[in-house]
């Protein structure tokens, strides 16, 4: 969020030692504050609860425009918060000789809609002690036209007796032994498909098992997990490559026995 705030010097002399002070709730963080592209320097002193920045000298009847840039970093209650502003001017050794009245903007931090959809394709059967199988996962960006989906992490939660072996395809990254799969940035309407290779161990009992795949946009902390349930059943039969060799007994006939 960007705010342009005009500071007026309505007096008859130059304004020196001016301080521009801001205060906001827990869900907002001040990203930058500047005048005409030049960042302001943080003041050495400030009223309690405020952050103050040194203003340049403002001539009589002059104005400067202060540009504030704020970032939403949370969505805890109360989600409605104020950005408060005040000006301080010093008089010699007194840092806050004059303090202006407080002005503010009210900000309502809305919990954003999830902009991900998840689709999976799983093997219908997994044999106990069997070969590796791939779970195919596709993430699609369903958000607005100006929203780049960044910081997405995914995780496949496997029941006891199943092992995740590797993740491949789609430009994703995965370090064995860690929970998260890092998803590349997605533009609106874009998607990524990758494969999670799993195996059912010999210790698994018969029955139907469910795999849960979760994905979360870590760049937007207010979005809850976008979960997709992956249901996969398997036959608990040990897989093995067996072959039976059929032996033929050779029968030998003497020539004399074949002659009548």
C-alpha atoms as a PDB file:
ATOM      1  CA  UNK A   1       0.000   0.000   0.000  1.00  0.00           C
ATOM      2  CA  UNK A   2       1.287   3.460  -0.905  1.00  0.00           C
ATOM      3  CA  UNK A   3       0.242   6.763   0.662  1.00  0.00           C
ATOM      4  CA  UNK A   4       1.352  10.220  -0.491  1.00  0.00           C
ATOM      5  CA  UNK A   5       1.089  12.695   2.388  1.00  0.00           C
ATOM      6  CA  UNK A   6       1.569  16.466   1.859  1.00  0.00           C
ATOM      7  CA  UNK A   7       3.345  18.328   4.666  1.00  0.00           C
ATOM      8  CA  UNK A   8       2.669  22.113   4.676  1.00  0.00           C
ATOM      9  CA  UNK A   9       4.649  24.821   6.402  1.00  0.00           C
ATOM     10  CA  UNK A  10       1.944  27.382   7.137  1.00  0.00           C
ATOM     11  CA  UNK A  11       4.216  29.592   9.234  1.00  0.00           C
ATOM     12  CA  UNK A  12       6.160  32.728   8.288  1.00  0.00           C
ATOM     13  CA  UNK A  13       9.610  31.182   8.743  1.00  0.00           C
ATOM     14  CA  UNK A  14      11.590  28.130   7.732  1.00  0.00           C
ATOM     15  CA  UNK A  15      10.767  24.853   9.463  1.00  0.00           C
ATOM     16  CA  UNK A  16      13.904  23.204  10.848  1.00  0.00           C
ATOM     17  CA  UNK A  17      14.407  19.987  12.815  1.00  0.00           C
ATOM     18  CA  UNK A  18      11.138  18.551  11.603  1.00  0.00           C
ATOM     19  CA  UNK A  19      10.232  14.959  12.252  1.00  0.00           C
ATOM     20  CA  UNK A  20       7.626  12.882  10.416  1.00  0.00           C
ATOM     21  CA  UNK A  21       6.251  10.167  12.708  1.00  0.00           C
ATOM     22  CA  UNK A  22       4.088   7.128  11.895  1.00  0.00           C
ATOM     23  CA  UNK A  23       2.427   4.360  13.865  1.00  0.00           C
ATOM     24  CA  UNK A  24       0.455   1.284  12.702  1.00  0.00           C
ATOM     25  CA  UNK A  25      -1.045  -1.940  14.009  1.00  0.00           C
ATOM     26  CA  UNK A  26       0.590  -5.365  14.171  1.00  0.00           C
ATOM     27  CA  UNK A  27      -0.552  -6.461  10.694  1.00  0.00           C
ATOM     28  CA  UNK A  28       1.327  -3.709   8.842  1.00  0.00           C
ATOM     29  CA  UNK A  29       5.037  -3.054   8.350  1.00  0.00           C
ATOM     30  CA  UNK A  30       6.506   0.159   6.953  1.00  0.00           C
ATOM     31  CA  UNK A  31       8.524  -0.884   3.897  1.00  0.00           C
ATOM     32  CA  UNK A  32       9.953   2.525   2.981  1.00  0.00           C
ATOM     33  CA  UNK A  33       9.391   6.233   3.436  1.00  0.00           C
ATOM     34  CA  UNK A  34      10.817   8.838   1.070  1.00  0.00           C
ATOM     35  CA  UNK A  35      10.543  12.272  -0.514  1.00  0.00           C
ATOM     36  CA  UNK A  36      10.930  12.461  -4.299  1.00  0.00           C
ATOM     37  CA  UNK A  37      12.628   9.069  -4.310  1.00  0.00           C
ATOM     38  CA  UNK A  38      15.100   9.867  -1.532  1.00  0.00           C
ATOM     39  CA  UNK A  39      14.684   7.742   1.618  1.00  0.00           C
ATOM     40  CA  UNK A  40      14.239   9.627   4.877  1.00  0.00           C
ATOM     41  CA  UNK A  41      16.677   9.020   7.731  1.00  0.00           C
ATOM     42  CA  UNK A  42      15.261   7.596  10.947  1.00  0.00           C
ATOM     43  CA  UNK A  43      15.321  10.076  13.814  1.00  0.00           C
ATOM     44  CA  UNK A  44      17.341   9.426  16.929  1.00  0.00           C
ATOM     45  CA  UNK A  45      14.307  10.068  19.139  1.00  0.00           C
ATOM     46  CA  UNK A  46      10.583   9.481  18.795  1.00  0.00           C
ATOM     47  CA  UNK A  47       7.425   9.594  20.924  1.00  0.00           C
ATOM     48  CA  UNK A  48       6.419   6.282  22.469  1.00  0.00           C
ATOM     49  CA  UNK A  49       4.894   3.872  19.949  1.00  0.00           C
ATOM     50  CA  UNK A  50       5.983   5.885  16.898  1.00  0.00           C
ATOM     51  CA  UNK A  51       8.768   5.698  14.344  1.00  0.00           C
ATOM     52  CA  UNK A  52      10.076   9.121  13.318  1.00  0.00           C
ATOM     53  CA  UNK A  53      12.107  10.321  10.335  1.00  0.00           C
ATOM     54  CA  UNK A  54      14.003  13.559   9.825  1.00  0.00           C
ATOM     55  CA  UNK A  55      12.404  16.003   7.383  1.00  0.00           C
ATOM     56  CA  UNK A  56      14.380  18.400   5.200  1.00  0.00           C
ATOM     57  CA  UNK A  57      14.112  22.129   5.788  1.00  0.00           C
ATOM     58  CA  UNK A  58      10.739  23.427   4.585  1.00  0.00           C
ATOM     59  CA  UNK A  59      10.586  27.095   3.641  1.00  0.00           C
ATOM     60  CA  UNK A  60       7.726  29.355   4.656  1.00  0.00           C
ATOM     61  CA  UNK A  61       4.490  28.405   2.867  1.00  0.00           C
ATOM     62  CA  UNK A  62       6.399  25.486   1.300  1.00  0.00           C
ATOM     63  CA  UNK A  63       5.302  21.878   1.025  1.00  0.00           C
ATOM     64  CA  UNK A  64       6.897  18.441   0.675  1.00  0.00           C
ATOM     65  CA  UNK A  65       5.225  15.164  -0.274  1.00  0.00           C
ATOM     66  CA  UNK A  66       6.119  12.169   1.867  1.00  0.00           C
ATOM     67  CA  UNK A  67       5.554   8.776   0.229  1.00  0.00           C
ATOM     68  CA  UNK A  68       4.864   5.888   2.597  1.00  0.00           C
ATOM     69  CA  UNK A  69       4.912   2.260   1.450  1.00  0.00           C
ATOM     70  CA  UNK A  70       3.367  -0.362   3.718  1.00  0.00           C
ATOM     71  CA  UNK A  71       3.314  -4.159   3.524  1.00  0.00           C
ATOM     72  CA  UNK A  72       0.627  -6.417   4.997  1.00  0.00           C
ATOM     73  CA  UNK A  73       2.501  -9.008   7.064  1.00  0.00           C
ATOM     74  CA  UNK A  74      -0.360 -10.657   8.938  1.00  0.00           C
ATOM     75  CA  UNK A  75      -4.098 -10.897   9.423  1.00  0.00           C
ATOM     76  CA  UNK A  76      -4.504 -11.301  13.177  1.00  0.00           C
ATOM     77  CA  UNK A  77      -7.527  -9.854  14.951  1.00  0.00           C
ATOM     78  CA  UNK A  78      -8.371  -6.996  14.965  1.00  0.00           C
ATOM     79  CA  UNK A  79      -7.913  -6.812  11.212  1.00  0.00           C
ATOM     80  CA  UNK A  80      -9.069  -3.164  11.114  1.00  0.00           C
ATOM     81  CA  UNK A  81      -6.185  -0.914  12.121  1.00  0.00           C
ATOM     82  CA  UNK A  82      -5.132   2.717  11.796  1.00  0.00           C
ATOM     83  CA  UNK A  83      -1.999   4.248  10.329  1.00  0.00           C
ATOM     84  CA  UNK A  84      -1.415   7.286  12.551  1.00  0.00           C
ATOM     85  CA  UNK A  85       0.775  10.252  11.620  1.00  0.00           C
ATOM     86  CA  UNK A  86       2.029  13.334  13.425  1.00  0.00           C
ATOM     87  CA  UNK A  87       4.718  15.987  12.957  1.00  0.00           C
ATOM     88  CA  UNK A  88       7.239  17.130  15.541  1.00  0.00           C
ATOM     89  CA  UNK A  89       9.414  20.220  15.398  1.00  0.00           C
ATOM     90  CA  UNK A  90      12.290  20.994  17.705  1.00  0.00           C
ATOM     91  CA  UNK A  91      13.169  24.232  19.416  1.00  0.00           C
ATOM     92  CA  UNK A  92      16.867  24.185  20.245  1.00  0.00           C
ATOM     93  CA  UNK A  93      17.505  21.512  22.877  1.00  0.00           C
ATOM     94  CA  UNK A  94      13.816  20.589  23.080  1.00  0.00           C
ATOM     95  CA  UNK A  95      13.240  17.853  20.464  1.00  0.00           C
ATOM     96  CA  UNK A  96       9.430  17.973  20.561  1.00  0.00           C
ATOM     97  CA  UNK A  97       8.752  21.666  20.984  1.00  0.00           C
ATOM     98  CA  UNK A  98       5.721  21.452  18.726  1.00  0.00           C
ATOM     99  CA  UNK A  99       3.608  18.386  17.945  1.00  0.00           C
ATOM    100  CA  UNK A 100       0.868  18.471  15.365  1.00  0.00           C
ATOM    101  CA  UNK A 101      -2.504  16.817  15.743  1.00  0.00           C
ATOM    102  CA  UNK A 102      -2.705  13.169  14.680  1.00  0.00           C
ATOM    103  CA  UNK A 103      -4.130  12.208  11.302  1.00  0.00           C
ATOM    104  CA  UNK A 104      -4.790   8.671  10.193  1.00  0.00           C
ATOM    105  CA  UNK A 105      -6.006   6.217   7.574  1.00  0.00           C
ATOM    106  CA  UNK A 106      -8.070   3.180   8.488  1.00  0.00           C
ATOM    107  CA  UNK A 107      -6.897  -0.082   6.940  1.00  0.00           C
ATOM    108  CA  UNK A 108      -8.969  -3.248   6.891  1.00  0.00           C
ATOM    109  CA  UNK A 109      -6.704  -6.236   6.310  1.00  0.00           C
ATOM    110  CA  UNK A 110      -8.774  -8.736   4.357  1.00  0.00           C
ATOM    111  CA  UNK A 111      -7.950 -12.439   4.346  1.00  0.00           C
ATOM    112  CA  UNK A 112      -7.214 -13.184   0.672  1.00  0.00           C
ATOM    113  CA  UNK A 113      -8.782 -15.983  -1.283  1.00  0.00           C
ATOM    114  CA  UNK A 114      -6.599 -18.964  -2.034  1.00  0.00           C
ATOM    115  CA  UNK A 115      -5.340 -18.760  -5.608  1.00  0.00           C
ATOM    116  CA  UNK A 116      -4.240 -22.373  -5.991  1.00  0.00           C
ATOM    117  CA  UNK A 117      -5.955 -25.491  -7.192  1.00  0.00           C
ATOM    118  CA  UNK A 118      -4.440 -28.954  -6.864  1.00  0.00           C
ATOM    119  CA  UNK A 119      -5.067 -32.017  -8.998  1.00  0.00           C
ATOM    120  CA  UNK A 120      -3.461 -35.425  -8.590  1.00  0.00           C
ATOM    121  CA  UNK A 121      -3.177 -38.677 -10.511  1.00  0.00           C
ATOM    122  CA  UNK A 122      -2.236 -41.700  -8.421  1.00  0.00           C
ATOM    123  CA  UNK A 123      -1.617 -45.380  -9.151  1.00  0.00           C
ATOM    124  CA  UNK A 124      -4.725 -47.440  -8.455  1.00  0.00           C
ATOM    125  CA  UNK A 125      -2.725 -50.253  -6.897  1.00  0.00           C
ATOM    126  CA  UNK A 126       0.430 -50.434  -4.842  1.00  0.00           C
ATOM    127  CA  UNK A 127       1.868 -53.865  -4.160  1.00  0.00           C
ATOM    128  CA  UNK A 128       3.367 -54.533  -0.776  1.00  0.00           C
ATOM    129  CA  UNK A 129       7.131 -54.823  -1.206  1.00  0.00           C
ATOM    130  CA  UNK A 130       6.382 -53.776  -4.753  1.00  0.00           C
ATOM    131  CA  UNK A 131       8.001 -51.513  -7.271  1.00  0.00           C
ATOM    132  CA  UNK A 132       8.081 -47.721  -6.981  1.00  0.00           C
ATOM    133  CA  UNK A 133       5.029 -45.780  -8.172  1.00  0.00           C
ATOM    134  CA  UNK A 134       4.614 -42.119  -9.131  1.00  0.00           C
ATOM    135  CA  UNK A 135       1.991 -39.774  -7.711  1.00  0.00           C
ATOM    136  CA  UNK A 136       1.426 -36.999 -10.263  1.00  0.00           C
ATOM    137  CA  UNK A 137       0.660 -33.563  -8.809  1.00  0.00           C
ATOM    138  CA  UNK A 138      -0.477 -30.477 -10.756  1.00  0.00           C
ATOM    139  CA  UNK A 139      -0.706 -27.017  -9.152  1.00  0.00           C
ATOM    140  CA  UNK A 140      -2.599 -24.312 -11.040  1.00  0.00           C
ATOM    141  CA  UNK A 141      -2.642 -20.560 -10.373  1.00  0.00           C
ATOM    142  CA  UNK A 142      -6.286 -19.436 -10.324  1.00  0.00           C
ATOM    143  CA  UNK A 143      -5.716 -15.882  -9.030  1.00  0.00           C
ATOM    144  CA  UNK A 144      -6.093 -12.444 -10.549  1.00  0.00           C
ATOM    145  CA  UNK A 145      -4.263 -11.135 -13.629  1.00  0.00           C
ATOM    146  CA  UNK A 146      -1.690  -9.121 -11.644  1.00  0.00           C
ATOM    147  CA  UNK A 147      -0.881 -11.719  -9.006  1.00  0.00           C
ATOM    148  CA  UNK A 148       2.310 -13.780  -9.328  1.00  0.00           C
ATOM    149  CA  UNK A 149       2.159 -16.871  -7.117  1.00  0.00           C
ATOM    150  CA  UNK A 150       5.456 -17.097  -5.224  1.00  0.00           C
ATOM    151  CA  UNK A 151       6.850 -18.931  -2.210  1.00  0.00           C
ATOM    152  CA  UNK A 152       4.667 -22.039  -2.580  1.00  0.00           C
ATOM    153  CA  UNK A 153       5.666 -25.115  -0.598  1.00  0.00           C
ATOM    154  CA  UNK A 154       4.093 -28.540  -0.998  1.00  0.00           C
ATOM    155  CA  UNK A 155       4.128 -31.700   1.091  1.00  0.00           C
ATOM    156  CA  UNK A 156       2.881 -35.256   0.575  1.00  0.00           C
ATOM    157  CA  UNK A 157       1.916 -36.823   3.902  1.00  0.00           C
ATOM    158  CA  UNK A 158       2.297 -40.585   3.685  1.00  0.00           C
ATOM    159  CA  UNK A 159       0.860 -43.119   6.157  1.00  0.00           C
ATOM    160  CA  UNK A 160       3.149 -45.360   8.167  1.00  0.00           C
ATOM    161  CA  UNK A 161       4.622 -48.038   5.947  1.00  0.00           C
ATOM    162  CA  UNK A 162       5.024 -45.821   2.886  1.00  0.00           C
ATOM    163  CA  UNK A 163       8.249 -44.161   1.792  1.00  0.00           C
ATOM    164  CA  UNK A 164       8.733 -41.044  -0.330  1.00  0.00           C
ATOM    165  CA  UNK A 165      11.782 -41.638  -2.500  1.00  0.00           C
ATOM    166  CA  UNK A 166      12.154 -38.685  -4.846  1.00  0.00           C
ATOM    167  CA  UNK A 167      10.465 -35.694  -6.499  1.00  0.00           C
ATOM    168  CA  UNK A 168      11.055 -34.828 -10.145  1.00  0.00           C
ATOM    169  CA  UNK A 169       9.768 -32.693 -13.023  1.00  0.00           C
ATOM    170  CA  UNK A 170       8.216 -29.246 -13.299  1.00  0.00           C
ATOM    171  CA  UNK A 171      11.253 -27.361 -12.021  1.00  0.00           C
ATOM    172  CA  UNK A 172      10.453 -28.189  -8.388  1.00  0.00           C
ATOM    173  CA  UNK A 173      13.198 -28.730  -5.821  1.00  0.00           C
ATOM    174  CA  UNK A 174      13.262 -31.228  -3.000  1.00  0.00           C
ATOM    175  CA  UNK A 175      15.912 -32.240  -0.475  1.00  0.00           C
ATOM    176  CA  UNK A 176      15.510 -35.823   0.851  1.00  0.00           C
ATOM    177  CA  UNK A 177      14.698 -35.904   4.531  1.00  0.00           C
ATOM    178  CA  UNK A 178      12.917 -32.536   4.481  1.00  0.00           C
ATOM    179  CA  UNK A 179       9.166 -32.027   4.439  1.00  0.00           C
ATOM    180  CA  UNK A 180       8.711 -29.341   1.828  1.00  0.00           C
ATOM    181  CA  UNK A 181       8.737 -29.317  -1.962  1.00  0.00           C
ATOM    182  CA  UNK A 182       9.591 -25.879  -3.376  1.00  0.00           C
ATOM    183  CA  UNK A 183       7.314 -24.877  -6.285  1.00  0.00           C
ATOM    184  CA  UNK A 184       8.528 -22.384  -8.934  1.00  0.00           C
ATOM    185  CA  UNK A 185       6.725 -19.058  -9.387  1.00  0.00           C
ATOM    186  CA  UNK A 186       3.440 -19.270 -11.288  1.00  0.00           C
ATOM    187  CA  UNK A 187       1.844 -16.559 -13.426  1.00  0.00           C
ATOM    188  CA  UNK A 188      -1.971 -16.257 -13.516  1.00  0.00           C
ATOM    189  CA  UNK A 189      -3.423 -19.262 -15.302  1.00  0.00           C
ATOM    190  CA  UNK A 190      -0.091 -21.088 -15.223  1.00  0.00           C
ATOM    191  CA  UNK A 191       0.444 -24.558 -13.842  1.00  0.00           C
ATOM    192  CA  UNK A 192       3.235 -26.935 -12.925  1.00  0.00           C
ATOM    193  CA  UNK A 193       3.194 -30.747 -12.940  1.00  0.00           C
ATOM    194  CA  UNK A 194       5.649 -32.909 -11.058  1.00  0.00           C
ATOM    195  CA  UNK A 195       5.929 -36.477  -9.769  1.00  0.00           C
ATOM    196  CA  UNK A 196       6.417 -37.836  -6.256  1.00  0.00           C
ATOM    197  CA  UNK A 197       7.808 -41.359  -6.267  1.00  0.00           C
ATOM    198  CA  UNK A 198       6.572 -43.571  -3.421  1.00  0.00           C
ATOM    199  CA  UNK A 199       6.866 -47.169  -2.300  1.00  0.00           C
ATOM    200  CA  UNK A 200       4.799 -49.414  -0.031  1.00  0.00           C
ATOM    201  CA  UNK A 201       7.014 -51.397   2.330  1.00  0.00           C
ATOM    202  CA  UNK A 202       6.585 -55.043   3.311  1.00  0.00           C
ATOM    203  CA  UNK A 203       5.314 -54.027   6.761  1.00  0.00           C
ATOM    204  CA  UNK A 204       2.071 -52.514   5.431  1.00  0.00           C
ATOM    205  CA  UNK A 205      -1.131 -54.366   6.296  1.00  0.00           C
ATOM    206  CA  UNK A 206      -3.963 -54.870   3.851  1.00  0.00           C
ATOM    207  CA  UNK A 207      -6.581 -52.163   3.452  1.00  0.00           C
ATOM    208  CA  UNK A 208      -7.263 -48.838   1.779  1.00  0.00           C
ATOM    209  CA  UNK A 209      -4.902 -45.960   2.514  1.00  0.00           C
ATOM    210  CA  UNK A 210      -5.078 -42.198   1.896  1.00  0.00           C
ATOM    211  CA  UNK A 211      -2.262 -39.861   0.939  1.00  0.00           C
ATOM    212  CA  UNK A 212      -2.712 -36.155   1.786  1.00  0.00           C
ATOM    213  CA  UNK A 213      -1.027 -33.530  -0.358  1.00  0.00           C
ATOM    214  CA  UNK A 214      -0.802 -29.993   1.058  1.00  0.00           C
ATOM    215  CA  UNK A 215       0.394 -26.777  -0.547  1.00  0.00           C
ATOM    216  CA  UNK A 216       0.777 -23.357   1.048  1.00  0.00           C
ATOM    217  CA  UNK A 217       1.679 -19.942  -0.332  1.00  0.00           C
ATOM    218  CA  UNK A 218       4.307 -18.787   2.155  1.00  0.00           C
ATOM    219  CA  UNK A 219       4.497 -15.355   0.507  1.00  0.00           C
ATOM    220  CA  UNK A 220       0.931 -14.675   1.698  1.00  0.00           C
ATOM    221  CA  UNK A 221       0.818 -15.657   5.377  1.00  0.00           C
ATOM    222  CA  UNK A 222      -2.932 -15.134   5.722  1.00  0.00           C
ATOM    223  CA  UNK A 223      -3.794 -17.936   3.301  1.00  0.00           C
ATOM    224  CA  UNK A 224      -4.585 -21.248   4.954  1.00  0.00           C
ATOM    225  CA  UNK A 225      -3.280 -24.552   3.612  1.00  0.00           C
ATOM    226  CA  UNK A 226      -4.793 -25.538   0.302  1.00  0.00           C
ATOM    227  CA  UNK A 227      -5.215 -29.271   0.890  1.00  0.00           C
ATOM    228  CA  UNK A 228      -6.039 -32.001  -1.560  1.00  0.00           C
ATOM    229  CA  UNK A 229      -6.779 -35.534  -0.407  1.00  0.00           C
ATOM    230  CA  UNK A 230      -5.177 -38.264  -2.485  1.00  0.00           C
ATOM    231  CA  UNK A 231      -6.922 -41.619  -2.099  1.00  0.00           C
ATOM    232  CA  UNK A 232      -4.999 -44.664  -3.252  1.00  0.00           C
ATOM    233  CA  UNK A 233      -5.779 -48.320  -2.569  1.00  0.00           C
ATOM    234  CA  UNK A 234      -3.378 -51.167  -3.074  1.00  0.00           C
ATOM    235  CA  UNK A 235      -3.146 -54.964  -2.931  1.00  0.00           C
ATOM    236  CA  UNK A 236      -0.951 -56.152  -0.048  1.00  0.00           C
ATOM    237  CA  UNK A 237       0.728 -58.930  -2.000  1.00  0.00           C
ATOM    238  CA  UNK A 238       4.472 -59.235  -2.060  1.00  0.00           C
ATOM    239  CA  UNK A 239       5.805 -58.603  -5.527  1.00  0.00           C
ATOM    240  CA  UNK A 240       8.453 -60.932  -6.899  1.00  0.00           C
ATOM    241  CA  UNK A 241       9.750 -62.047 -10.242  1.00  0.00           C
ATOM    242  CA  UNK A 242       9.277 -65.808 -10.340  1.00  0.00           C
ATOM    243  CA  UNK A 243       9.793 -68.208 -13.214  1.00  0.00           C
ATOM    244  CA  UNK A 244       9.271 -71.982 -13.369  1.00  0.00           C
ATOM    245  CA  UNK A 245      11.565 -74.058 -15.510  1.00  0.00           C
ATOM    246  CA  UNK A 246       9.807 -76.937 -17.211  1.00  0.00           C
ATOM    247  CA  UNK A 247      12.090 -79.885 -17.697  1.00  0.00           C
ATOM    248  CA  UNK A 248      11.479 -82.496 -20.387  1.00  0.00           C
ATOM    249  CA  UNK A 249      12.649 -86.056 -19.891  1.00  0.00           C
ATOM    250  CA  UNK A 250      14.387 -87.385 -22.921  1.00  0.00           C
ATOM    251  CA  UNK A 251      13.202 -90.827 -24.010  1.00  0.00           C
ATOM    252  CA  UNK A 252      15.597 -92.942 -25.928  1.00  0.00           C
ATOM    253  CA  UNK A 253      14.428 -95.805 -28.065  1.00  0.00           C
ATOM    254  CA  UNK A 254      16.698 -98.473 -29.211  1.00  0.00           C
ATOM    255  CA  UNK A 255      16.539 -99.089 -32.869  1.00  0.00           C
ATOM    256  CA  UNK A 256      15.982-102.797 -32.300  1.00  0.00           C
ATOM    257  CA  UNK A 257      12.908-102.123 -30.095  1.00  0.00           C
ATOM    258  CA  UNK A 258      11.380-100.061 -32.835  1.00  0.00           C
ATOM    259  CA  UNK A 259      11.715-102.835 -35.414  1.00  0.00           C
ATOM    260  CA  UNK A 260       9.077-105.582 -35.424  1.00  0.00           C
END
